[in-house]
Amino acid sequence: MITAYVYDGDLRVEANKNGKNYWYEYIKEMNEQLGLSAKEIPSKSLEDKALLNDVMILFIGDIPESRITAKIKANLNEWVKNGGVLIGFNTVGLDEIFGNLCDSVITQPENDWTISGISPLMMIH
């Protein structure tokens, strides 16, 4: 069984072209630091259900919701139900599979590089 991460290089190029950092670029380094030899796969390849057969853990980042097709959702849903571990980073459009719902996002003040250890917390009763 292998660990894999979804990576579309064009998203990094687009972010950098717009003067932004593409944080998900660090997924490769994160896996290395965890001692994982993870395989890079493009989001489009998730339409091939057989691709997930050998994957045990899958990291998926902030790919645009428009790239998550109904077939990809169905494949990921079945894969998770069969024991696959799906780890998301700001992933939109897969809340039903993750079993959660994003209520809000706390934006960084000033820019992406600002250190911010203070965030408002709200108790929900």
Protein backbone atom coordinates (compact mmCIF):
# COMPACT_ATOMS: atom_id res chain seq x y z
CA MET A 1 0.00 0.00 0.00
CA ILE A 2 1.25 3.46 -0.83
CA THR A 3 0.77 7.06 0.27
CA ALA A 4 -0.08 9.57 -2.44
CA TYR A 5 -0.86 13.25 -2.78
CA VAL A 6 -2.91 15.02 -5.41
CA TYR A 7 -0.83 17.68 -7.13
CA ASP A 8 -1.59 19.86 -10.14
CA GLY A 9 1.50 21.92 -10.99
CA ASP A 10 -0.49 24.47 -12.96
CA LEU A 11 -2.09 25.70 -9.71
CA ARG A 12 1.35 26.65 -8.34
CA VAL A 13 2.23 28.44 -11.57
CA GLU A 14 -1.05 30.38 -11.50
CA ALA A 15 -0.64 31.38 -7.83
CA ASN A 16 2.95 32.48 -8.36
CA LYS A 17 1.97 34.45 -11.46
CA ASN A 18 -0.51 36.34 -9.25
CA GLY A 19 2.22 37.09 -6.69
CA LYS A 20 0.94 34.55 -4.17
CA ASN A 21 2.61 31.68 -2.43
CA TYR A 22 1.23 28.24 -3.25
CA TRP A 23 1.27 26.67 0.21
CA TYR A 24 0.33 23.20 -1.00
CA GLU A 25 3.71 23.04 -2.77
CA TYR A 26 5.11 22.05 0.62
CA ILE A 27 3.14 18.78 0.65
CA LYS A 28 6.17 17.03 -0.85
CA GLU A 29 8.44 18.23 1.95
CA MET A 30 5.82 17.44 4.60
CA ASN A 31 5.63 13.83 3.43
CA GLU A 32 9.43 13.55 3.42
CA GLN A 33 9.61 14.97 6.95
CA LEU A 34 7.07 12.35 8.05
CA GLY A 35 9.22 9.65 6.49
CA LEU A 36 6.64 8.89 3.82
CA SER A 37 7.63 8.05 0.29
CA ALA A 38 4.54 9.54 -1.29
CA LYS A 39 3.55 9.36 -4.93
CA GLU A 40 2.40 12.49 -6.80
CA ILE A 41 -0.81 12.09 -8.81
CA PRO A 42 -2.78 14.68 -10.81
CA SER A 43 -6.39 15.38 -9.79
CA LYS A 44 -7.72 14.23 -13.17
CA SER A 45 -6.31 10.74 -12.53
CA LEU A 46 -8.75 10.26 -9.62
CA GLU A 47 -11.40 9.55 -12.26
CA ASP A 48 -9.68 6.17 -12.69
CA LYS A 49 -11.05 4.09 -9.81
CA ALA A 50 -8.31 1.48 -10.23
CA LEU A 51 -5.65 4.08 -9.41
CA LEU A 52 -6.83 4.14 -5.79
CA ASN A 53 -6.57 0.34 -5.36
CA ASP A 54 -2.99 0.49 -4.06
CA VAL A 55 -3.30 3.79 -2.19
CA MET A 56 -3.80 3.62 1.58
CA ILE A 57 -3.41 7.33 2.45
CA LEU A 58 -4.26 10.20 0.12
CA PHE A 59 -3.54 13.88 0.73
CA ILE A 60 -5.65 16.33 -1.24
CA GLY A 61 -5.24 20.09 -1.12
CA ASP A 62 -7.07 23.17 -2.26
CA ILE A 63 -7.76 22.11 -5.81
CA PRO A 64 -10.58 24.10 -7.43
CA GLU A 65 -14.01 22.59 -6.87
CA SER A 66 -14.52 22.68 -10.64
CA ARG A 67 -11.87 19.94 -10.98
CA ILE A 68 -13.70 17.61 -8.60
CA THR A 69 -16.06 15.79 -10.92
CA ALA A 70 -18.98 13.59 -9.89
CA LYS A 71 -16.88 10.56 -10.86
CA ILE A 72 -13.98 11.69 -8.64
CA LYS A 73 -16.40 12.23 -5.73
CA ALA A 74 -17.91 8.78 -6.21
CA ASN A 75 -14.49 7.12 -6.45
CA LEU A 76 -13.18 8.88 -3.33
CA ASN A 77 -16.36 8.15 -1.40
CA GLU A 78 -16.17 4.43 -2.18
CA TRP A 79 -12.42 4.37 -1.47
CA VAL A 80 -12.90 5.97 1.99
CA LYS A 81 -15.78 3.61 2.82
CA ASN A 82 -13.44 0.72 1.97
CA GLY A 83 -10.81 1.94 4.43
CA GLY A 84 -8.82 4.59 2.56
CA VAL A 85 -7.54 7.51 4.65
CA LEU A 86 -8.26 10.90 3.05
CA ILE A 87 -6.47 13.94 4.48
CA GLY A 88 -7.55 17.34 3.17
CA PHE A 89 -6.01 20.80 3.27
CA ASN A 90 -8.60 23.50 2.60
CA THR A 91 -10.35 21.10 0.23
CA VAL A 92 -13.66 22.42 -1.10
CA GLY A 93 -16.45 20.21 -2.41
CA LEU A 94 -15.77 17.01 -0.47
CA ASP A 95 -17.42 17.86 2.86
CA GLU A 96 -19.75 14.84 2.64
CA ILE A 97 -16.79 12.49 2.31
CA PHE A 98 -14.75 14.17 5.04
CA GLY A 99 -17.81 14.27 7.28
CA ASN A 100 -17.50 17.93 8.15
CA LEU A 101 -18.61 21.36 7.01
CA CYS A 102 -16.50 24.51 6.78
CA ASP A 103 -18.24 27.19 8.82
CA SER A 104 -15.78 30.01 8.16
CA VAL A 105 -12.19 30.82 7.31
CA ILE A 106 -9.94 33.08 9.38
CA THR A 107 -7.85 35.12 6.97
CA GLN A 108 -4.31 36.13 7.79
CA PRO A 109 -3.96 39.84 8.55
CA GLU A 110 -1.81 41.80 6.09
CA ASN A 111 -0.48 38.86 4.01
CA ASP A 112 0.25 35.12 3.93
CA TRP A 113 3.53 35.60 5.79
CA THR A 114 2.15 37.46 8.81
CA ILE A 115 2.51 35.56 12.06
CA SER A 116 -0.86 35.46 13.74
CA GLY A 117 -1.36 33.53 16.95
CA ILE A 118 -4.62 35.25 17.83
CA SER A 119 -7.91 34.16 16.37
CA PRO A 120 -11.45 34.69 17.56
CA LEU A 121 -13.14 31.55 18.86
CA MET A 122 -16.89 31.16 19.10
CA MET A 123 -18.67 28.66 21.27
CA ILE A 124 -21.59 26.93 19.61
CA HIS A 125 -24.18 25.56 22.01
